[in-house]
């Protein structure tokens, strides 16, 4: 499970931003996690309390927004990859480019 390492890196990034901006309190964090990113939101939620418990961010709330994995088939049809097991519902091809859903981003930090 690589999610703990990911969350620790996110926490370190936020701590750096808070210090640089001379903020005193971080209320919440919003992460965007794509369905095709390889990161499992449930595991992020499980390890999150462990990653923040020893930091000054221990009261920071976590919100996750999951981004749908959208593919563009060679036939030109766009579809949600996870709903169709990677097969285009129009032509049944497995040849597609992922156009959305690979991202993992810190979307928002609410701090003062």
PDB file of N, CA and C in Angstrom:
ATOM      1  N   UNK A   1       0.861  -1.185   0.000  1.00  0.00           N
ATOM      2  CA  UNK A   1       0.000   0.000   0.000  1.00  0.00           C
ATOM      3  C   UNK A   1       0.899   1.238   0.000  1.00  0.00           C
ATOM      4  N   UNK A   2       0.961   1.909  -1.111  1.00  0.00           N
ATOM      5  CA  UNK A   2       1.791   3.102  -1.255  1.00  0.00           C
ATOM      6  C   UNK A   2       1.077   4.373  -0.816  1.00  0.00           C
ATOM      7  N   UNK A   3      -0.175   4.256  -0.430  1.00  0.00           N
ATOM      8  CA  UNK A   3      -0.954   5.437  -0.055  1.00  0.00           C
ATOM      9  C   UNK A   3      -0.384   6.165   1.164  1.00  0.00           C
ATOM     10  N   UNK A   4       0.189   5.431   2.122  1.00  0.00           N
ATOM     11  CA  UNK A   4       0.764   6.101   3.290  1.00  0.00           C
ATOM     12  C   UNK A   4       1.897   7.030   2.858  1.00  0.00           C
ATOM     13  N   UNK A   5       2.758   6.568   1.981  1.00  0.00           N
ATOM     14  CA  UNK A   5       3.841   7.414   1.471  1.00  0.00           C
ATOM     15  C   UNK A   5       3.317   8.636   0.748  1.00  0.00           C
ATOM     16  N   UNK A   6       2.250   8.448  -0.014  1.00  0.00           N
ATOM     17  CA  UNK A   6       1.644   9.565  -0.737  1.00  0.00           C
ATOM     18  C   UNK A   6       1.102  10.600   0.240  1.00  0.00           C
ATOM     19  N   UNK A   7       0.384  10.135   1.259  1.00  0.00           N
ATOM     20  CA  UNK A   7      -0.207  11.062   2.234  1.00  0.00           C
ATOM     21  C   UNK A   7       0.883  11.772   3.020  1.00  0.00           C
ATOM     22  N   UNK A   8       1.927  11.071   3.381  1.00  0.00           N
ATOM     23  CA  UNK A   8       3.040  11.710   4.098  1.00  0.00           C
ATOM     24  C   UNK A   8       3.645  12.814   3.231  1.00  0.00           C
ATOM     25  N   UNK A   9       3.818  12.555   1.957  1.00  0.00           N
ATOM     26  CA  UNK A   9       4.344  13.580   1.045  1.00  0.00           C
ATOM     27  C   UNK A   9       3.395  14.785   0.957  1.00  0.00           C
ATOM     28  N   UNK A  10       2.088  14.530   0.883  1.00  0.00           N
ATOM     29  CA  UNK A  10       1.103  15.622   0.846  1.00  0.00           C
ATOM     30  C   UNK A  10       1.197  16.456   2.121  1.00  0.00           C
ATOM     31  N   UNK A  11       1.273  15.792   3.274  1.00  0.00           N
ATOM     32  CA  UNK A  11       1.368  16.494   4.560  1.00  0.00           C
ATOM     33  C   UNK A  11       2.634  17.347   4.604  1.00  0.00           C
ATOM     34  N   UNK A  12       3.750  16.797   4.152  1.00  0.00           N
ATOM     35  CA  UNK A  12       5.000  17.571   4.132  1.00  0.00           C
ATOM     36  C   UNK A  12       4.878  18.789   3.221  1.00  0.00           C
ATOM     37  N   UNK A  13       4.212  18.620   2.092  1.00  0.00           N
ATOM     38  CA  UNK A  13       4.003  19.727   1.164  1.00  0.00           C
ATOM     39  C   UNK A  13       3.157  20.823   1.811  1.00  0.00           C
ATOM     40  N   UNK A  14       2.094  20.425   2.487  1.00  0.00           N
ATOM     41  CA  UNK A  14       1.219  21.401   3.150  1.00  0.00           C
ATOM     42  C   UNK A  14       1.965  22.109   4.279  1.00  0.00           C
ATOM     43  N   UNK A  15       2.741  21.360   5.058  1.00  0.00           N
ATOM     44  CA  UNK A  15       3.523  21.982   6.137  1.00  0.00           C
ATOM     45  C   UNK A  15       4.473  23.041   5.574  1.00  0.00           C
ATOM     46  N   UNK A  16       5.086  22.744   4.438  1.00  0.00           N
ATOM     47  CA  UNK A  16       5.994  23.698   3.802  1.00  0.00           C
ATOM     48  C   UNK A  16       5.241  24.953   3.366  1.00  0.00           C
ATOM     49  N   UNK A  17       4.092  24.776   2.751  1.00  0.00           N
ATOM     50  CA  UNK A  17       3.284  25.915   2.301  1.00  0.00           C
ATOM     51  C   UNK A  17       2.840  26.767   3.492  1.00  0.00           C
ATOM     52  N   UNK A  18       2.388  26.115   4.549  1.00  0.00           N
ATOM     53  CA  UNK A  18       1.922  26.823   5.751  1.00  0.00           C
ATOM     54  C   UNK A  18       3.049  27.668   6.345  1.00  0.00           C
ATOM     55  N   UNK A  19       4.251  27.099   6.424  1.00  0.00           N
ATOM     56  CA  UNK A  19       5.383  27.847   6.968  1.00  0.00           C
ATOM     57  C   UNK A  19       5.780  29.011   6.067  1.00  0.00           C
ATOM     58  N   UNK A  20       5.807  28.761   4.746  1.00  0.00           N
ATOM     59  CA  UNK A  20       6.172  29.818   3.805  1.00  0.00           C
ATOM     60  C   UNK A  20       5.180  30.977   3.838  1.00  0.00           C
ATOM     61  N   UNK A  21       3.899  30.671   3.994  1.00  0.00           N
ATOM     62  CA  UNK A  21       2.850  31.686   3.989  1.00  0.00           C
ATOM     63  C   UNK A  21       2.581  32.263   5.381  1.00  0.00           C
ATOM     64  N   UNK A  22       3.297  31.735   6.385  1.00  0.00           N
ATOM     65  CA  UNK A  22       3.157  32.172   7.775  1.00  0.00           C
ATOM     66  C   UNK A  22       1.713  32.049   8.276  1.00  0.00           C
ATOM     67  N   UNK A  23       1.105  30.900   7.960  1.00  0.00           N
ATOM     68  CA  UNK A  23      -0.258  30.605   8.409  1.00  0.00           C
ATOM     69  C   UNK A  23      -0.187  29.916   9.765  1.00  0.00           C
ATOM     70  N   UNK A  24      -1.264  29.983  10.515  1.00  0.00           N
ATOM     71  CA  UNK A  24      -1.241  29.393  11.850  1.00  0.00           C
ATOM     72  C   UNK A  24      -2.172  28.194  12.003  1.00  0.00           C
ATOM     73  N   UNK A  25      -3.129  28.067  11.117  1.00  0.00           N
ATOM     74  CA  UNK A  25      -4.097  26.968  11.254  1.00  0.00           C
ATOM     75  C   UNK A  25      -4.552  26.503   9.866  1.00  0.00           C
ATOM     76  N   UNK A  26      -4.596  25.190   9.701  1.00  0.00           N
ATOM     77  CA  UNK A  26      -5.124  24.618   8.466  1.00  0.00           C
ATOM     78  C   UNK A  26      -6.407  23.883   8.827  1.00  0.00           C
ATOM     79  N   UNK A  27      -7.484  24.327   8.245  1.00  0.00           N
ATOM     80  CA  UNK A  27      -8.797  23.771   8.558  1.00  0.00           C
ATOM     81  C   UNK A  27      -9.095  22.509   7.757  1.00  0.00           C
ATOM     82  N   UNK A  28      -8.826  22.555   6.443  1.00  0.00           N
ATOM     83  CA  UNK A  28      -9.183  21.405   5.623  1.00  0.00           C
ATOM     84  C   UNK A  28      -8.325  21.302   4.369  1.00  0.00           C
ATOM     85  N   UNK A  29      -8.383  20.110   3.797  1.00  0.00           N
ATOM     86  CA  UNK A  29      -7.630  19.768   2.608  1.00  0.00           C
ATOM     87  C   UNK A  29      -8.570  19.047   1.653  1.00  0.00           C
ATOM     88  N   UNK A  30      -8.534  19.435   0.388  1.00  0.00           N
ATOM     89  CA  UNK A  30      -9.318  18.747  -0.634  1.00  0.00           C
ATOM     90  C   UNK A  30      -8.344  18.139  -1.632  1.00  0.00           C
ATOM     91  N   UNK A  31      -8.450  16.823  -1.810  1.00  0.00           N
ATOM     92  CA  UNK A  31      -7.632  16.119  -2.792  1.00  0.00           C
ATOM     93  C   UNK A  31      -8.498  15.681  -3.958  1.00  0.00           C
ATOM     94  N   UNK A  32      -7.954  15.773  -5.156  1.00  0.00           N
ATOM     95  CA  UNK A  32      -8.589  15.210  -6.343  1.00  0.00           C
ATOM     96  C   UNK A  32      -7.851  13.914  -6.668  1.00  0.00           C
ATOM     97  N   UNK A  33      -8.607  12.832  -6.779  1.00  0.00           N
ATOM     98  CA  UNK A  33      -7.994  11.540  -7.070  1.00  0.00           C
ATOM     99  C   UNK A  33      -8.706  10.931  -8.268  1.00  0.00           C
ATOM    100  N   UNK A  34      -7.969  10.694  -9.325  1.00  0.00           N
ATOM    101  CA  UNK A  34      -8.535  10.101 -10.524  1.00  0.00           C
ATOM    102  C   UNK A  34      -8.713   8.593 -10.375  1.00  0.00           C
ATOM    103  N   UNK A  35      -9.768   8.084 -10.983  1.00  0.00           N
ATOM    104  CA  UNK A  35     -10.038   6.641 -10.936  1.00  0.00           C
ATOM    105  C   UNK A  35      -8.914   5.820 -11.564  1.00  0.00           C
ATOM    106  N   UNK A  36      -8.180   6.409 -12.492  1.00  0.00           N
ATOM    107  CA  UNK A  36      -7.096   5.698 -13.159  1.00  0.00           C
ATOM    108  C   UNK A  36      -5.723   6.128 -12.644  1.00  0.00           C
ATOM    109  N   UNK A  37      -5.683   6.744 -11.464  1.00  0.00           N
ATOM    110  CA  UNK A  37      -4.423   7.251 -10.920  1.00  0.00           C
ATOM    111  C   UNK A  37      -3.602   6.170 -10.223  1.00  0.00           C
ATOM    112  N   UNK A  38      -4.226   5.066  -9.873  1.00  0.00           N
ATOM    113  CA  UNK A  38      -3.529   4.037  -9.114  1.00  0.00           C
ATOM    114  C   UNK A  38      -3.577   4.276  -7.614  1.00  0.00           C
ATOM    115  N   UNK A  39      -4.263   5.321  -7.201  1.00  0.00           N
ATOM    116  CA  UNK A  39      -4.404   5.648  -5.777  1.00  0.00           C
ATOM    117  C   UNK A  39      -5.824   5.306  -5.355  1.00  0.00           C
ATOM    118  N   UNK A  40      -5.948   4.587  -4.231  1.00  0.00           N
ATOM    119  CA  UNK A  40      -7.254   4.144  -3.754  1.00  0.00           C
ATOM    120  C   UNK A  40      -7.752   5.100  -2.669  1.00  0.00           C
ATOM    121  N   UNK A  41      -8.826   5.850  -2.953  1.00  0.00           N
ATOM    122  CA  UNK A  41      -9.326   6.833  -1.984  1.00  0.00           C
ATOM    123  C   UNK A  41      -9.587   6.249  -0.598  1.00  0.00           C
ATOM    124  N   UNK A  42     -10.135   5.055  -0.522  1.00  0.00           N
ATOM    125  CA  UNK A  42     -10.424   4.429   0.770  1.00  0.00           C
ATOM    126  C   UNK A  42      -9.146   4.259   1.598  1.00  0.00           C
ATOM    127  N   UNK A  43      -8.057   3.869   0.947  1.00  0.00           N
ATOM    128  CA  UNK A  43      -6.789   3.699   1.665  1.00  0.00           C
ATOM    129  C   UNK A  43      -6.217   5.051   2.097  1.00  0.00           C
ATOM    130  N   UNK A  44      -6.408   6.065   1.267  1.00  0.00           N
ATOM    131  CA  UNK A  44      -5.970   7.416   1.649  1.00  0.00           C
ATOM    132  C   UNK A  44      -6.695   7.824   2.932  1.00  0.00           C
ATOM    133  N   UNK A  45      -7.999   7.600   2.978  1.00  0.00           N
ATOM    134  CA  UNK A  45      -8.786   7.942   4.169  1.00  0.00           C
ATOM    135  C   UNK A  45      -8.344   7.137   5.388  1.00  0.00           C
ATOM    136  N   UNK A  46      -7.938   5.890   5.199  1.00  0.00           N
ATOM    137  CA  UNK A  46      -7.488   5.053   6.318  1.00  0.00           C
ATOM    138  C   UNK A  46      -6.166   5.529   6.907  1.00  0.00           C
ATOM    139  N   UNK A  47      -5.217   5.887   6.052  1.00  0.00           N
ATOM    140  CA  UNK A  47      -3.888   6.249   6.546  1.00  0.00           C
ATOM    141  C   UNK A  47      -3.751   7.729   6.891  1.00  0.00           C
ATOM    142  N   UNK A  48      -4.685   8.529   6.455  1.00  0.00           N
ATOM    143  CA  UNK A  48      -4.631   9.971   6.697  1.00  0.00           C
ATOM    144  C   UNK A  48      -4.460  10.320   8.180  1.00  0.00           C
ATOM    145  N   UNK A  49      -5.272   9.758   9.086  1.00  0.00           N
ATOM    146  CA  UNK A  49      -5.090  10.104  10.512  1.00  0.00           C
ATOM    147  C   UNK A  49      -3.695   9.761  11.039  1.00  0.00           C
ATOM    148  N   UNK A  50      -3.112   8.697  10.551  1.00  0.00           N
ATOM    149  CA  UNK A  50      -1.764   8.296  10.976  1.00  0.00           C
ATOM    150  C   UNK A  50      -0.739   9.330  10.518  1.00  0.00           C
ATOM    151  N   UNK A  51      -0.907   9.818   9.294  1.00  0.00           N
ATOM    152  CA  UNK A  51       0.058  10.761   8.725  1.00  0.00           C
ATOM    153  C   UNK A  51       0.028  12.130   9.397  1.00  0.00           C
ATOM    154  N   UNK A  52      -1.114  12.524   9.954  1.00  0.00           N
ATOM    155  CA  UNK A  52      -1.209  13.874  10.541  1.00  0.00           C
ATOM    156  C   UNK A  52      -1.158  13.887  12.063  1.00  0.00           C
ATOM    157  N   UNK A  53      -1.233  12.727  12.703  1.00  0.00           N
ATOM    158  CA  UNK A  53      -1.376  12.695  14.161  1.00  0.00           C
ATOM    159  C   UNK A  53      -0.225  13.341  14.927  1.00  0.00           C
ATOM    160  N   UNK A  54       0.983  13.330  14.393  1.00  0.00           N
ATOM    161  CA  UNK A  54       2.130  13.904  15.094  1.00  0.00           C
ATOM    162  C   UNK A  54       2.513  15.287  14.571  1.00  0.00           C
ATOM    163  N   UNK A  55       1.682  15.859  13.709  1.00  0.00           N
ATOM    164  CA  UNK A  55       2.026  17.160  13.132  1.00  0.00           C
ATOM    165  C   UNK A  55       1.089  18.243  13.654  1.00  0.00           C
ATOM    166  N   UNK A  56       1.432  19.497  13.362  1.00  0.00           N
ATOM    167  CA  UNK A  56       0.544  20.594  13.755  1.00  0.00           C
ATOM    168  C   UNK A  56      -0.703  20.632  12.882  1.00  0.00           C
ATOM    169  N   UNK A  57      -0.819  19.712  11.932  1.00  0.00           N
ATOM    170  CA  UNK A  57      -1.990  19.614  11.061  1.00  0.00           C
ATOM    171  C   UNK A  57      -2.995  18.591  11.575  1.00  0.00           C
ATOM    172  N   UNK A  58      -2.824  18.151  12.818  1.00  0.00           N
ATOM    173  CA  UNK A  58      -3.634  17.042  13.337  1.00  0.00           C
ATOM    174  C   UNK A  58      -5.139  17.298  13.341  1.00  0.00           C
ATOM    175  N   UNK A  59      -5.570  18.547  13.240  1.00  0.00           N
ATOM    176  CA  UNK A  59      -7.009  18.858  13.200  1.00  0.00           C
ATOM    177  C   UNK A  59      -7.523  19.094  11.780  1.00  0.00           C
ATOM    178  N   UNK A  60      -6.663  18.952  10.806  1.00  0.00           N
ATOM    179  CA  UNK A  60      -7.032  19.214   9.415  1.00  0.00           C
ATOM    180  C   UNK A  60      -7.977  18.122   8.896  1.00  0.00           C
ATOM    181  N   UNK A  61      -9.099  18.548   8.356  1.00  0.00           N
ATOM    182  CA  UNK A  61     -10.098  17.634   7.790  1.00  0.00           C
ATOM    183  C   UNK A  61      -9.733  17.311   6.344  1.00  0.00           C
ATOM    184  N   UNK A  62     -10.089  16.110   5.922  1.00  0.00           N
ATOM    185  CA  UNK A  62      -9.801  15.653   4.571  1.00  0.00           C
ATOM    186  C   UNK A  62     -11.085  15.466   3.775  1.00  0.00           C
ATOM    187  N   UNK A  63     -11.072  15.968   2.546  1.00  0.00           N
ATOM    188  CA  UNK A  63     -12.163  15.719   1.614  1.00  0.00           C
ATOM    189  C   UNK A  63     -11.536  15.193   0.321  1.00  0.00           C
ATOM    190  N   UNK A  64     -12.162  14.176  -0.245  1.00  0.00           N
ATOM    191  CA  UNK A  64     -11.659  13.600  -1.489  1.00  0.00           C
ATOM    192  C   UNK A  64     -12.712  13.759  -2.571  1.00  0.00           C
ATOM    193  N   UNK A  65     -12.271  14.280  -3.717  1.00  0.00           N
ATOM    194  CA  UNK A  65     -13.126  14.357  -4.893  1.00  0.00           C
ATOM    195  C   UNK A  65     -12.567  13.372  -5.916  1.00  0.00           C
ATOM    196  N   UNK A  66     -13.364  12.393  -6.269  1.00  0.00           N
ATOM    197  CA  UNK A  66     -12.895  11.397  -7.229  1.00  0.00           C
ATOM    198  C   UNK A  66     -13.219  11.849  -8.652  1.00  0.00           C
ATOM    199  N   UNK A  67     -12.206  11.796  -9.504  1.00  0.00           N
ATOM    200  CA  UNK A  67     -12.332  12.216 -10.898  1.00  0.00           C
ATOM    201  C   UNK A  67     -12.553  10.967 -11.758  1.00  0.00           C
ATOM    202  N   UNK A  68     -13.587  10.990 -12.558  1.00  0.00           N
ATOM    203  CA  UNK A  68     -13.919   9.847 -13.404  1.00  0.00           C
ATOM    204  C   UNK A  68     -12.833   9.602 -14.453  1.00  0.00           C
ATOM    205  N   UNK A  69     -12.582   8.312 -14.723  1.00  0.00           N
ATOM    206  CA  UNK A  69     -11.636   7.930 -15.774  1.00  0.00           C
ATOM    207  C   UNK A  69     -12.391   7.910 -17.099  1.00  0.00           C
ATOM    208  N   UNK A  70     -12.050   8.850 -17.967  1.00  0.00           N
ATOM    209  CA  UNK A  70     -12.701   8.973 -19.272  1.00  0.00           C
ATOM    210  C   UNK A  70     -11.689   8.615 -20.356  1.00  0.00           C
ATOM    211  N   UNK A  71     -12.119   7.752 -21.257  1.00  0.00           N
ATOM    212  CA  UNK A  71     -11.271   7.350 -22.367  1.00  0.00           C
ATOM    213  C   UNK A  71     -11.799   7.886 -23.680  1.00  0.00           C
ATOM    214  N   UNK A  72     -10.888   8.075 -24.613  1.00  0.00           N
ATOM    215  CA  UNK A  72     -11.245   8.460 -25.969  1.00  0.00           C
ATOM    216  C   UNK A  72     -10.832   7.304 -26.870  1.00  0.00           C
ATOM    217  N   UNK A  73     -11.825   6.618 -27.416  1.00  0.00           N
ATOM    218  CA  UNK A  73     -11.592   5.456 -28.264  1.00  0.00           C
ATOM    219  C   UNK A  73     -11.042   5.889 -29.621  1.00  0.00           C
ATOM    220  N   UNK A  74     -10.397   4.937 -30.295  1.00  0.00           N
ATOM    221  CA  UNK A  74      -9.897   5.212 -31.642  1.00  0.00           C
ATOM    222  C   UNK A  74     -11.036   5.537 -32.613  1.00  0.00           C
ATOM    223  N   UNK A  75     -12.278   5.132 -32.251  1.00  0.00           N
ATOM    224  CA  UNK A  75     -13.428   5.452 -33.108  1.00  0.00           C
ATOM    225  C   UNK A  75     -13.956   6.863 -32.846  1.00  0.00           C
ATOM    226  N   UNK A  76     -13.390   7.549 -31.832  1.00  0.00           N
ATOM    227  CA  UNK A  76     -13.790   8.910 -31.519  1.00  0.00           C
ATOM    228  C   UNK A  76     -14.805   9.027 -30.399  1.00  0.00           C
ATOM    229  N   UNK A  77     -15.255   7.905 -29.867  1.00  0.00           N
ATOM    230  CA  UNK A  77     -16.252   7.908 -28.795  1.00  0.00           C
ATOM    231  C   UNK A  77     -15.569   8.096 -27.435  1.00  0.00           C
ATOM    232  N   UNK A  78     -16.134   8.973 -26.606  1.00  0.00           N
ATOM    233  CA  UNK A  78     -15.662   9.151 -25.227  1.00  0.00           C
ATOM    234  C   UNK A  78     -16.562   8.359 -24.303  1.00  0.00           C
ATOM    235  N   UNK A  79     -15.954   7.697 -23.300  1.00  0.00           N
ATOM    236  CA  UNK A  79     -16.737   6.883 -22.373  1.00  0.00           C
ATOM    237  C   UNK A  79     -15.989   6.717 -21.057  1.00  0.00           C
ATOM    238  N   UNK A  80     -16.740   6.344 -20.039  1.00  0.00           N
ATOM    239  CA  UNK A  80     -16.155   6.107 -18.723  1.00  0.00           C
ATOM    240  C   UNK A  80     -15.533   4.712 -18.714  1.00  0.00           C
ATOM    241  N   UNK A  81     -14.236   4.683 -18.604  1.00  0.00           N
ATOM    242  CA  UNK A  81     -13.464   3.451 -18.728  1.00  0.00           C
ATOM    243  C   UNK A  81     -13.879   2.402 -17.698  1.00  0.00           C
ATOM    244  N   UNK A  82     -14.048   2.822 -16.449  1.00  0.00           N
ATOM    245  CA  UNK A  82     -14.337   1.856 -15.384  1.00  0.00           C
ATOM    246  C   UNK A  82     -15.718   1.233 -15.506  1.00  0.00           C
ATOM    247  N   UNK A  83     -16.645   1.925 -16.108  1.00  0.00           N
ATOM    248  CA  UNK A  83     -17.993   1.376 -16.274  1.00  0.00           C
ATOM    249  C   UNK A  83     -18.067   0.342 -17.384  1.00  0.00           C
ATOM    250  N   UNK A  84     -17.073   0.352 -18.259  1.00  0.00           N
ATOM    251  CA  UNK A  84     -17.117  -0.526 -19.430  1.00  0.00           C
ATOM    252  C   UNK A  84     -15.896  -1.443 -19.505  1.00  0.00           C
ATOM    253  N   UNK A  85     -15.189  -1.588 -18.397  1.00  0.00           N
ATOM    254  CA  UNK A  85     -13.996  -2.450 -18.330  1.00  0.00           C
ATOM    255  C   UNK A  85     -13.008  -2.174 -19.458  1.00  0.00           C
ATOM    256  N   UNK A  86     -12.898  -0.937 -19.863  1.00  0.00           N
ATOM    257  CA  UNK A  86     -11.951  -0.549 -20.888  1.00  0.00           C
ATOM    258  C   UNK A  86     -12.410  -0.791 -22.313  1.00  0.00           C
ATOM    259  N   UNK A  87     -13.586  -1.354 -22.484  1.00  0.00           N
ATOM    260  CA  UNK A  87     -14.111  -1.607 -23.835  1.00  0.00           C
ATOM    261  C   UNK A  87     -15.023  -0.471 -24.263  1.00  0.00           C
ATOM    262  N   UNK A  88     -14.802   0.020 -25.451  1.00  0.00           N
ATOM    263  CA  UNK A  88     -15.659   1.072 -25.979  1.00  0.00           C
ATOM    264  C   UNK A  88     -17.077   0.535 -26.158  1.00  0.00           C
ATOM    265  N   UNK A  89     -18.071   1.196 -25.585  1.00  0.00           N
ATOM    266  CA  UNK A  89     -19.452   0.710 -25.725  1.00  0.00           C
ATOM    267  C   UNK A  89     -20.001   0.872 -27.148  1.00  0.00           C
ATOM    268  N   UNK A  90     -19.314   1.669 -27.960  1.00  0.00           N
ATOM    269  CA  UNK A  90     -19.788   1.898 -29.325  1.00  0.00           C
ATOM    270  C   UNK A  90     -19.225   0.864 -30.308  1.00  0.00           C
ATOM    271  N   UNK A  91     -17.889   0.633 -30.251  1.00  0.00           N
ATOM    272  CA  UNK A  91     -17.266  -0.271 -31.235  1.00  0.00           C
ATOM    273  C   UNK A  91     -16.595  -1.498 -30.602  1.00  0.00           C
ATOM    274  N   UNK A  92     -16.548  -1.550 -29.266  1.00  0.00           N
ATOM    275  CA  UNK A  92     -15.982  -2.660 -28.483  1.00  0.00           C
ATOM    276  C   UNK A  92     -14.460  -2.790 -28.582  1.00  0.00           C
ATOM    277  N   UNK A  93     -13.815  -1.749 -29.036  1.00  0.00           N
ATOM    278  CA  UNK A  93     -12.355  -1.736 -29.099  1.00  0.00           C
ATOM    279  C   UNK A  93     -11.776  -1.516 -27.705  1.00  0.00           C
ATOM    280  N   UNK A  94     -10.563  -1.997 -27.507  1.00  0.00           N
ATOM    281  CA  UNK A  94      -9.841  -1.740 -26.261  1.00  0.00           C
ATOM    282  C   UNK A  94      -8.748  -0.691 -26.463  1.00  0.00           C
ATOM    283  N   UNK A  95      -8.721  -0.082 -27.617  1.00  0.00           N
ATOM    284  CA  UNK A  95      -7.700   0.917 -27.920  1.00  0.00           C
ATOM    285  C   UNK A  95      -8.264   2.303 -27.632  1.00  0.00           C
ATOM    286  N   UNK A  96      -7.744   2.913 -26.572  1.00  0.00           N
ATOM    287  CA  UNK A  96      -8.222   4.233 -26.161  1.00  0.00           C
ATOM    288  C   UNK A  96      -7.093   4.997 -25.501  1.00  0.00           C
ATOM    289  N   UNK A  97      -7.268   6.291 -25.424  1.00  0.00           N
ATOM    290  CA  UNK A  97      -6.380   7.171 -24.674  1.00  0.00           C
ATOM    291  C   UNK A  97      -7.146   7.690 -23.473  1.00  0.00           C
ATOM    292  N   UNK A  98      -6.505   7.690 -22.322  1.00  0.00           N
ATOM    293  CA  UNK A  98      -7.125   8.246 -21.119  1.00  0.00           C
ATOM    294  C   UNK A  98      -7.042   9.764 -21.216  1.00  0.00           C
ATOM    295  N   UNK A  99      -8.192  10.421 -21.181  1.00  0.00           N
ATOM    296  CA  UNK A  99      -8.202  11.889 -21.272  1.00  0.00           C
ATOM    297  C   UNK A  99      -8.530  12.542 -19.934  1.00  0.00           C
ATOM    298  N   UNK A 100      -8.970  11.737 -18.976  1.00  0.00           N
ATOM    299  CA  UNK A 100      -9.268  12.252 -17.635  1.00  0.00           C
ATOM    300  C   UNK A 100      -9.234  11.084 -16.659  1.00  0.00           C
ATOM    301  N   UNK A 101      -8.788  11.370 -15.437  1.00  0.00           N
ATOM    302  CA  UNK A 101      -8.851  10.361 -14.388  1.00  0.00           C
ATOM    303  C   UNK A 101      -7.524   9.822 -13.915  1.00  0.00           C
ATOM    304  N   UNK A 102      -6.417  10.338 -14.433  1.00  0.00           N
ATOM    305  CA  UNK A 102      -5.097   9.891 -13.970  1.00  0.00           C
ATOM    306  C   UNK A 102      -4.518  10.810 -12.890  1.00  0.00           C
ATOM    307  N   UNK A 103      -5.161  11.915 -12.645  1.00  0.00           N
ATOM    308  CA  UNK A 103      -4.579  12.932 -11.786  1.00  0.00           C
ATOM    309  C   UNK A 103      -4.692  12.600 -10.284  1.00  0.00           C
ATOM    310  N   UNK A 104      -3.761  13.165  -9.563  1.00  0.00           N
ATOM    311  CA  UNK A 104      -3.787  13.207  -8.103  1.00  0.00           C
ATOM    312  C   UNK A 104      -3.284  14.588  -7.749  1.00  0.00           C
ATOM    313  N   UNK A 105      -4.188  15.429  -7.247  1.00  0.00           N
ATOM    314  CA  UNK A 105      -3.849  16.826  -6.983  1.00  0.00           C
ATOM    315  C   UNK A 105      -4.315  17.285  -5.611  1.00  0.00           C
ATOM    316  N   UNK A 106      -3.542  18.204  -5.064  1.00  0.00           N
ATOM    317  CA  UNK A 106      -4.041  18.979  -3.931  1.00  0.00           C
ATOM    318  C   UNK A 106      -4.883  20.071  -4.562  1.00  0.00           C
ATOM    319  N   UNK A 107      -6.184  19.979  -4.404  1.00  0.00           N
ATOM    320  CA  UNK A 107      -7.090  20.951  -5.043  1.00  0.00           C
ATOM    321  C   UNK A 107      -7.224  22.220  -4.207  1.00  0.00           C
ATOM    322  N   UNK A 108      -7.358  22.047  -2.890  1.00  0.00           N
ATOM    323  CA  UNK A 108      -7.611  23.211  -2.045  1.00  0.00           C
ATOM    324  C   UNK A 108      -7.106  22.982  -0.634  1.00  0.00           C
ATOM    325  N   UNK A 109      -6.547  24.031  -0.070  1.00  0.00           N
ATOM    326  CA  UNK A 109      -6.152  24.047   1.338  1.00  0.00           C
ATOM    327  C   UNK A 109      -6.868  25.246   1.955  1.00  0.00           C
ATOM    328  N   UNK A 110      -7.678  25.002   2.956  1.00  0.00           N
ATOM    329  CA  UNK A 110      -8.347  26.108   3.664  1.00  0.00           C
ATOM    330  C   UNK A 110      -7.523  26.373   4.924  1.00  0.00           C
ATOM    331  N   UNK A 111      -6.919  27.550   4.958  1.00  0.00           N
ATOM    332  CA  UNK A 111      -6.019  27.892   6.067  1.00  0.00           C
ATOM    333  C   UNK A 111      -6.113  29.379   6.385  1.00  0.00           C
ATOM    334  N   UNK A 112      -5.655  29.713   7.573  1.00  0.00           N
ATOM    335  CA  UNK A 112      -5.569  31.125   7.974  1.00  0.00           C
ATOM    336  C   UNK A 112      -4.432  31.318   8.943  1.00  0.00           C
TER     337      UNK A 112
END
